[in-house]
C-alpha atoms as a PDB file:
ATOM      1  CA  MET A   1       1.795 -16.247  -8.502  1.00  0.00           C
ATOM      2  CA  LYS A   2      -0.932 -15.226  -5.966  1.00  0.00           C
ATOM      3  CA  GLN A   3      -4.371 -14.208  -7.463  1.00  0.00           C
ATOM      4  CA  LEU A   4      -6.536 -11.323  -5.918  1.00  0.00           C
ATOM      5  CA  HIS A   5     -10.043 -10.611  -6.900  1.00  0.00           C
ATOM      6  CA  ILE A   6     -10.990  -7.028  -6.140  1.00  0.00           C
ATOM      7  CA  PRO A   7     -14.684  -6.457  -5.586  1.00  0.00           C
ATOM      8  CA  LEU A   8     -16.809  -3.284  -6.593  1.00  0.00           C
ATOM      9  CA  ILE A   9     -17.863  -2.267  -3.293  1.00  0.00           C
ATOM     10  CA  LYS A  10     -21.669  -1.796  -2.768  1.00  0.00           C
ATOM     11  CA  THR A  11     -22.344   1.388  -0.684  1.00  0.00           C
ATOM     12  CA  GLY A  12     -26.149   2.132  -1.469  1.00  0.00           C
ATOM     13  CA  GLU A  13     -27.074   5.362  -0.666  1.00  0.00           C
ATOM     14  CA  THR A  14     -24.950   5.100   2.697  1.00  0.00           C
ATOM     15  CA  ALA A  15     -22.165   7.865   2.927  1.00  0.00           C
ATOM     16  CA  SER A  16     -19.098   6.229   1.171  1.00  0.00           C
ATOM     17  CA  GLY A  17     -16.622   8.516   2.374  1.00  0.00           C
ATOM     18  CA  ILE A  18     -13.195   7.052   3.714  1.00  0.00           C
ATOM     19  CA  ASP A  19     -14.561   7.495   7.526  1.00  0.00           C
ATOM     20  CA  ALA A  20     -17.426   5.157   6.419  1.00  0.00           C
ATOM     21  CA  ILE A  21     -15.727   2.593   4.021  1.00  0.00           C
ATOM     22  CA  HIS A  22     -14.204   0.599   6.471  1.00  0.00           C
ATOM     23  CA  VAL A  23     -17.540  -0.679   7.214  1.00  0.00           C
ATOM     24  CA  PHE A  24     -17.900  -2.125   3.775  1.00  0.00           C
ATOM     25  CA  LEU A  25     -14.835  -3.288   3.245  1.00  0.00           C
ATOM     26  CA  GLU A  26     -15.210  -5.608   6.185  1.00  0.00           C
ATOM     27  CA  GLU A  27     -18.631  -6.736   5.041  1.00  0.00           C
ATOM     28  CA  GLN A  28     -17.316  -7.218   1.198  1.00  0.00           C
ATOM     29  CA  THR A  29     -13.753  -8.124   0.953  1.00  0.00           C
ATOM     30  CA  VAL A  30     -11.296 -11.005   2.232  1.00  0.00           C
ATOM     31  CA  LEU A  31      -8.491 -10.025   4.655  1.00  0.00           C
ATOM     32  CA  CYS A  32      -5.358 -10.945   3.033  1.00  0.00           C
ATOM     33  CA  GLY A  33      -1.884 -11.282   4.599  1.00  0.00           C
ATOM     34  CA  VAL A  34       1.555  -9.652   4.087  1.00  0.00           C
ATOM     35  CA  ASP A  35       3.269 -12.374   5.738  1.00  0.00           C
ATOM     36  CA  THR A  36       5.653 -13.600   3.213  1.00  0.00           C
ATOM     37  CA  LEU A  37       9.373 -13.440   4.983  1.00  0.00           C
ATOM     38  CA  ASN A  38      11.340 -13.415   1.882  1.00  0.00           C
ATOM     39  CA  TRP A  39      14.892 -12.719   3.567  1.00  0.00           C
ATOM     40  CA  PRO A  40      15.718 -14.928   6.855  1.00  0.00           C
ATOM     41  CA  GLU A  41      18.250 -12.653   7.860  1.00  0.00           C
ATOM     42  CA  PHE A  42      15.595  -9.921   8.402  1.00  0.00           C
ATOM     43  CA  SER A  43      13.503 -12.032  10.946  1.00  0.00           C
ATOM     44  CA  THR A  44      11.205  -9.532  12.441  1.00  0.00           C
ATOM     45  CA  THR A  45       7.849 -10.108  11.424  1.00  0.00           C
ATOM     46  CA  PRO A  46       5.210  -7.591  12.470  1.00  0.00           C
ATOM     47  CA  GLN A  47       1.423  -9.035  11.905  1.00  0.00           C
ATOM     48  CA  VAL A  48       0.109  -7.256   8.741  1.00  0.00           C
ATOM     49  CA  THR A  49      -2.840  -7.577   6.993  1.00  0.00           C
ATOM     50  CA  PHE A  50      -5.062  -5.739   4.548  1.00  0.00           C
ATOM     51  CA  ARG A  51      -8.687  -5.371   2.670  1.00  0.00           C
ATOM     52  CA  ILE A  52      -8.810  -3.743  -0.887  1.00  0.00           C
ATOM     53  CA  GLY A  53     -11.896  -3.126  -2.933  1.00  0.00           C
ATOM     54  CA  HIS A  54     -13.027  -0.575  -5.635  1.00  0.00           C
ATOM     55  CA  GLY A  55     -15.536   2.078  -6.228  1.00  0.00           C
ATOM     56  CA  GLY A  56     -15.260   2.135  -9.836  1.00  0.00           C
ATOM     57  CA  ASP A  57     -13.010   5.590  -9.760  1.00  0.00           C
ATOM     58  CA  ARG A  58     -10.921   4.707  -6.658  1.00  0.00           C
ATOM     59  CA  ILE A  59      -9.171   2.213  -4.698  1.00  0.00           C
ATOM     60  CA  TRP A  60     -10.287   1.346  -1.248  1.00  0.00           C
ATOM     61  CA  LEU A  61      -7.363  -0.035   0.757  1.00  0.00           C
ATOM     62  CA  LYS A  62      -6.885  -0.661   4.478  1.00  0.00           C
ATOM     63  CA  TYR A  63      -3.900  -2.023   6.306  1.00  0.00           C
ATOM     64  CA  TYR A  64      -3.871  -3.554   9.983  1.00  0.00           C
ATOM     65  CA  VAL A  65      -0.556  -3.610  11.606  1.00  0.00           C
ATOM     66  CA  ARG A  66       0.628  -4.998  14.574  1.00  0.00           C
ATOM     67  CA  GLU A  67       4.437  -4.446  15.665  1.00  0.00           C
ATOM     68  CA  LYS A  68       7.061  -3.318  18.030  1.00  0.00           C
ATOM     69  CA  HIS A  69       8.475  -0.241  17.013  1.00  0.00           C
ATOM     70  CA  LEU A  70       6.725   3.017  15.800  1.00  0.00           C
ATOM     71  CA  LEU A  71       8.436   5.591  13.604  1.00  0.00           C
ATOM     72  CA  SER A  72       7.079   8.266  11.642  1.00  0.00           C
ATOM     73  CA  SER A  73       9.819  11.172  11.049  1.00  0.00           C
ATOM     74  CA  ILE A  74       8.968  11.828   7.412  1.00  0.00           C
ATOM     75  CA  THR A  75       6.478  14.684   6.855  1.00  0.00           C
ATOM     76  CA  GLY A  76       7.065  15.610   3.268  1.00  0.00           C
ATOM     77  CA  ILE A  77       4.989  14.132   0.191  1.00  0.00           C
ATOM     78  CA  ASN A  78       7.406  11.943  -1.813  1.00  0.00           C
ATOM     79  CA  GLY A  79       9.902  11.774   1.050  1.00  0.00           C
ATOM     80  CA  PRO A  80      11.650   8.552   1.890  1.00  0.00           C
ATOM     81  CA  VAL A  81       8.667   7.080   3.818  1.00  0.00           C
ATOM     82  CA  HIS A  82      10.071   3.418   3.461  1.00  0.00           C
ATOM     83  CA  ARG A  83      12.363   4.291   6.351  1.00  0.00           C
ATOM     84  CA  ASP A  84       9.544   4.952   8.584  1.00  0.00           C
ATOM     85  CA  SER A  85       6.849   2.498   9.924  1.00  0.00           C
ATOM     86  CA  CYS A  86       5.628   1.820   6.313  1.00  0.00           C
ATOM     87  CA  VAL A  87       3.059   0.088   4.268  1.00  0.00           C
ATOM     88  CA  GLU A  88       3.377  -0.288   0.523  1.00  0.00           C
ATOM     89  CA  PHE A  89       1.213  -0.967  -2.436  1.00  0.00           C
ATOM     90  CA  PHE A  90       3.024  -1.397  -5.751  1.00  0.00           C
ATOM     91  CA  PHE A  91       0.735  -1.414  -8.932  1.00  0.00           C
ATOM     92  CA  SER A  92       0.693  -2.032 -12.471  1.00  0.00           C
ATOM     93  CA  PRO A  93      -2.231  -1.269 -14.337  1.00  0.00           C
ATOM     94  CA  CYS A  94      -1.357  -2.456 -17.884  1.00  0.00           C
ATOM     95  CA  SER A  95       0.619  -5.230 -16.573  1.00  0.00           C
ATOM     96  CA  ASP A  96       3.162  -3.990 -19.086  1.00  0.00           C
ATOM     97  CA  GLY A  97       6.158  -3.729 -16.914  1.00  0.00           C
ATOM     98  CA  PHE A  98       5.632  -0.308 -15.791  1.00  0.00           C
ATOM     99  CA  TYR A  99       4.174   0.397 -12.247  1.00  0.00           C
ATOM    100  CA  TYR A 100       3.380   2.722  -9.449  1.00  0.00           C
ATOM    101  CA  ASN A 101       5.133   2.293  -5.962  1.00  0.00           C
ATOM    102  CA  LEU A 102       2.565   4.005  -3.632  1.00  0.00           C
ATOM    103  CA  GLU A 103       4.143   3.870  -0.267  1.00  0.00           C
ATOM    104  CA  PHE A 104       2.707   5.531   2.898  1.00  0.00           C
ATOM    105  CA  ASN A 105       4.256   5.663   6.680  1.00  0.00           C
ATOM    106  CA  CYS A 106       1.833   4.816   9.426  1.00  0.00           C
ATOM    107  CA  THR A 107       0.659   8.249   9.554  1.00  0.00           C
ATOM    108  CA  GLY A 108      -0.382   8.339   6.069  1.00  0.00           C
ATOM    109  CA  VAL A 109       2.387  10.423   4.341  1.00  0.00           C
ATOM    110  CA  PRO A 110       2.912   9.198   0.638  1.00  0.00           C
ATOM    111  CA  HIS A 111       5.174   8.611  -1.741  1.00  0.00           C
ATOM    112  CA  VAL A 112       4.363   7.693  -5.158  1.00  0.00           C
ATOM    113  CA  SER A 113       6.422   7.389  -8.291  1.00  0.00           C
ATOM    114  CA  TYR A 114       6.484   5.738 -11.569  1.00  0.00           C
ATOM    115  CA  GLY A 115       8.618   3.786 -14.110  1.00  0.00           C
ATOM    116  CA  SER A 116       9.822   0.387 -15.136  1.00  0.00           C
ATOM    117  CA  GLY A 117      12.341  -0.717 -12.297  1.00  0.00           C
ATOM    118  CA  ARG A 118      14.321   0.481  -9.044  1.00  0.00           C
ATOM    119  CA  GLY A 119      16.643   2.734 -11.419  1.00  0.00           C
ATOM    120  CA  ASP A 120      13.669   4.244 -13.555  1.00  0.00           C
ATOM    121  CA  ARG A 121      11.196   6.207 -11.187  1.00  0.00           C
ATOM    122  CA  SER A 122       9.633   9.432 -11.707  1.00  0.00           C
ATOM    123  CA  ASP A 123       7.923  10.977  -8.684  1.00  0.00           C
ATOM    124  CA  ILE A 124       4.162  11.950  -9.158  1.00  0.00           C
ATOM    125  CA  ASP A 125       3.365  15.646  -8.740  1.00  0.00           C
ATOM    126  CA  PRO A 126       2.561  16.231  -5.039  1.00  0.00           C
ATOM    127  CA  VAL A 127      -0.145  18.233  -6.139  1.00  0.00           C
ATOM    128  CA  ILE A 128      -1.747  15.206  -7.459  1.00  0.00           C
ATOM    129  CA  LEU A 129      -0.935  13.077  -4.700  1.00  0.00           C
ATOM    130  CA  ARG A 130      -3.076  15.309  -2.020  1.00  0.00           C
ATOM    131  CA  SER A 131      -6.225  13.994  -3.832  1.00  0.00           C
ATOM    132  CA  ILE A 132      -5.396  10.621  -2.013  1.00  0.00           C
ATOM    133  CA  GLU A 133      -7.445  10.675   1.074  1.00  0.00           C
ATOM    134  CA  THR A 134      -5.421   8.917   4.299  1.00  0.00           C
ATOM    135  CA  ARG A 135      -6.596   7.882   7.724  1.00  0.00           C
ATOM    136  CA  SER A 136      -4.276   6.752  10.388  1.00  0.00           C
ATOM    137  CA  SER A 137      -5.565   5.517  13.729  1.00  0.00           C
ATOM    138  CA  LEU A 138      -2.437   7.172  15.142  1.00  0.00           C
ATOM    139  CA  GLY A 139      -3.317  10.673  13.964  1.00  0.00           C
ATOM    140  CA  PRO A 140      -1.209  13.259  11.952  1.00  0.00           C
ATOM    141  CA  GLY A 141       2.650  12.829  12.432  1.00  0.00           C
ATOM    142  CA  PRO A 142       5.487  13.411  13.028  1.00  0.00           C
ATOM    143  CA  LEU A 143       5.915  10.564  15.792  1.00  0.00           C
ATOM    144  CA  GLU A 144       9.251   9.982  17.304  1.00  0.00           C
ATOM    145  CA  GLU A 145      10.553   6.161  17.507  1.00  0.00           C
ATOM    146  CA  ARG A 146       8.321   4.364  20.292  1.00  0.00           C
ATOM    147  CA  ASN A 147       8.982   0.699  21.493  1.00  0.00           C
ATOM    148  CA  GLY A 148       6.365  -1.572  22.993  1.00  0.00           C
ATOM    149  CA  ASP A 149       3.435  -2.930  21.257  1.00  0.00           C
ATOM    150  CA  PHE A 150       1.268  -1.078  18.919  1.00  0.00           C
ATOM    151  CA  PHE A 151      -1.483  -1.781  16.821  1.00  0.00           C
ATOM    152  CA  TRP A 152      -2.295   0.939  13.934  1.00  0.00           C
ATOM    153  CA  GLU A 153      -4.576   0.976  10.952  1.00  0.00           C
ATOM    154  CA  LEU A 154      -4.239   2.975   7.777  1.00  0.00           C
ATOM    155  CA  ALA A 155      -7.227   3.593   5.378  1.00  0.00           C
ATOM    156  CA  LEU A 156      -6.865   4.834   1.912  1.00  0.00           C
ATOM    157  CA  ALA A 157      -8.927   5.997  -0.682  1.00  0.00           C
ATOM    158  CA  ILE A 158      -7.032   5.900  -3.950  1.00  0.00           C
ATOM    159  CA  PRO A 159      -8.563   7.820  -6.917  1.00  0.00           C
ATOM    160  CA  VAL A 160      -8.122   6.702 -10.532  1.00  0.00           C
ATOM    161  CA  ASP A 161      -6.751   9.980 -11.447  1.00  0.00           C
ATOM    162  CA  ILE A 162      -3.219   9.644  -9.850  1.00  0.00           C
ATOM    163  CA  PHE A 163      -2.375   6.951 -12.693  1.00  0.00           C
ATOM    164  CA  VAL A 164      -1.187   9.699 -14.870  1.00  0.00           C
ATOM    165  CA  HIS A 165       0.518   7.606 -17.140  1.00  0.00           C
ATOM    166  CA  ASP A 166      -2.059   4.997 -18.015  1.00  0.00           C
ATOM    167  CA  GLY A 167      -5.139   7.003 -19.233  1.00  0.00           C
ATOM    168  CA  LEU A 168      -7.375   5.078 -16.588  1.00  0.00           C
ATOM    169  CA  HIS A 169     -11.052   6.075 -16.218  1.00  0.00           C
ATOM    170  CA  SER A 170     -12.195   3.227 -14.008  1.00  0.00           C
ATOM    171  CA  PHE A 171     -10.921   0.326 -12.430  1.00  0.00           C
ATOM    172  CA  GLY A 172     -13.914  -2.112 -13.476  1.00  0.00           C
ATOM    173  CA  GLY A 173     -12.993  -5.285 -15.261  1.00  0.00           C
ATOM    174  CA  LEU A 174      -9.320  -4.373 -14.892  1.00  0.00           C
ATOM    175  CA  ARG A 175      -6.696  -7.111 -15.025  1.00  0.00           C
ATOM    176  CA  ALA A 176      -3.438  -5.749 -13.394  1.00  0.00           C
ATOM    177  CA  ARG A 177      -0.652  -6.635 -11.537  1.00  0.00           C
ATOM    178  CA  GLY A 178       0.874  -5.608  -8.252  1.00  0.00           C
ATOM    179  CA  ASN A 179       2.204  -6.566  -4.610  1.00  0.00           C
ATOM    180  CA  PHE A 180       1.747  -5.366  -1.239  1.00  0.00           C
ATOM    181  CA  TYR A 181       4.437  -4.870   1.132  1.00  0.00           C
ATOM    182  CA  LYS A 182       5.549  -3.892   4.817  1.00  0.00           C
ATOM    183  CA  CYS A 183       8.902  -2.396   5.557  1.00  0.00           C
ATOM    184  CA  GLY A 184      10.767  -0.111   8.084  1.00  0.00           C
ATOM    185  CA  ASP A 185      14.168   0.736   7.271  1.00  0.00           C
ATOM    186  CA  ASP A 186      15.264   2.797  10.170  1.00  0.00           C
ATOM    187  CA  THR A 187      13.383   1.205  12.840  1.00  0.00           C
ATOM    188  CA  PRO A 188      15.329  -0.802  15.276  1.00  0.00           C
ATOM    189  CA  GLU A 189      14.429  -3.867  13.656  1.00  0.00           C
ATOM    190  CA  PRO A 190      14.195  -3.638   9.839  1.00  0.00           C
ATOM    191  CA  HIS A 191      11.899  -5.725   8.249  1.00  0.00           C
ATOM    192  CA  TYR A 192      10.609  -6.688   4.617  1.00  0.00           C
ATOM    193  CA  LEU A 193       7.480  -8.571   4.116  1.00  0.00           C
ATOM    194  CA  SER A 194       5.330  -9.104   0.983  1.00  0.00           C
ATOM    195  CA  TRP A 195       1.889 -10.514  -0.266  1.00  0.00           C
ATOM    196  CA  ASN A 196       3.414 -12.342  -3.040  1.00  0.00           C
ATOM    197  CA  PRO A 197       6.943 -13.862  -2.527  1.00  0.00           C
ATOM    198  CA  VAL A 198       9.846 -11.836  -4.008  1.00  0.00           C
ATOM    199  CA  LYS A 199      12.829 -14.240  -4.917  1.00  0.00           C
ATOM    200  CA  THR A 200      15.944 -12.023  -4.624  1.00  0.00           C
ATOM    201  CA  GLU A 201      18.931 -12.449  -2.786  1.00  0.00           C
ATOM    202  CA  LYS A 202      18.728  -9.081  -0.926  1.00  0.00           C
ATOM    203  CA  PRO A 203      15.588  -7.139   0.070  1.00  0.00           C
ATOM    204  CA  ASP A 204      14.142  -5.530  -3.126  1.00  0.00           C
ATOM    205  CA  PHE A 205      10.484  -4.845  -3.700  1.00  0.00           C
ATOM    206  CA  HIS A 206      10.701  -3.278  -7.218  1.00  0.00           C
ATOM    207  CA  ARG A 207      10.781  -6.549  -8.908  1.00  0.00           C
ATOM    208  CA  TYR A 208       7.835  -6.838 -11.548  1.00  0.00           C
ATOM    209  CA  GLU A 209       8.267 -10.447 -11.955  1.00  0.00           C
ATOM    210  CA  SER A 210       7.090 -10.922  -8.372  1.00  0.00           C
ATOM    211  CA  PHE A 211       3.968  -9.169  -8.952  1.00  0.00           C
ATOM    212  CA  GLY A 212       0.758 -11.311  -7.899  1.00  0.00           C
ATOM    213  CA  GLU A 213      -2.550 -10.939 -10.237  1.00  0.00           C
ATOM    214  CA  LEU A 214      -5.019  -8.458  -9.334  1.00  0.00           C
ATOM    215  CA  ILE A 215      -8.747  -8.679 -10.809  1.00  0.00           C
ATOM    216  CA  PHE A 216     -10.961  -6.008 -10.533  1.00  0.00           C
ATOM    217  CA  GLU A 217     -14.589  -6.801 -10.618  1.00  0.00           C
END
């Protein structure tokens, strides 16, 4: 099991909004890879890295992706964004087998649900999810399928309030479980990459036992 230390981002009196936080992430966090190819039959391997930190009451997460195909067809909150060019963060704050799957297509449209497994999911209220700040270097969607060589970045500010089933007030000192993913089910080359290995016969990100350890400063 991988282990990831998530630092408390120090911003001082400088602006700490999502448009500025990428500077602090690059100064105060390590670059991590979403580069585990768990299923060789899906051999496409986009280049995917991320940085993560927290500000006490929110998680700051930024993905960096280089891939051959772009797709952002889903525009509604809690739609099937995994079909698009998509990055994901599965997060179990209490390490109790229950987790949130936070999924975002390349233009920042979210899908977030909660439960104990693939067959036990309950969507988080879209009104609550609108408090997640997103910034994509691609701008807003939708985007029709594009083929070539593309690099895009997605910055996320995820407030503690969206984790409505756990009563969290701060991420400080939290010991949690989670995993980070890249997929694109409806792209010309479907792919399924992870940060921590997933040991299943077929692609399945909903595997709590495959989560790594997340240690918040």
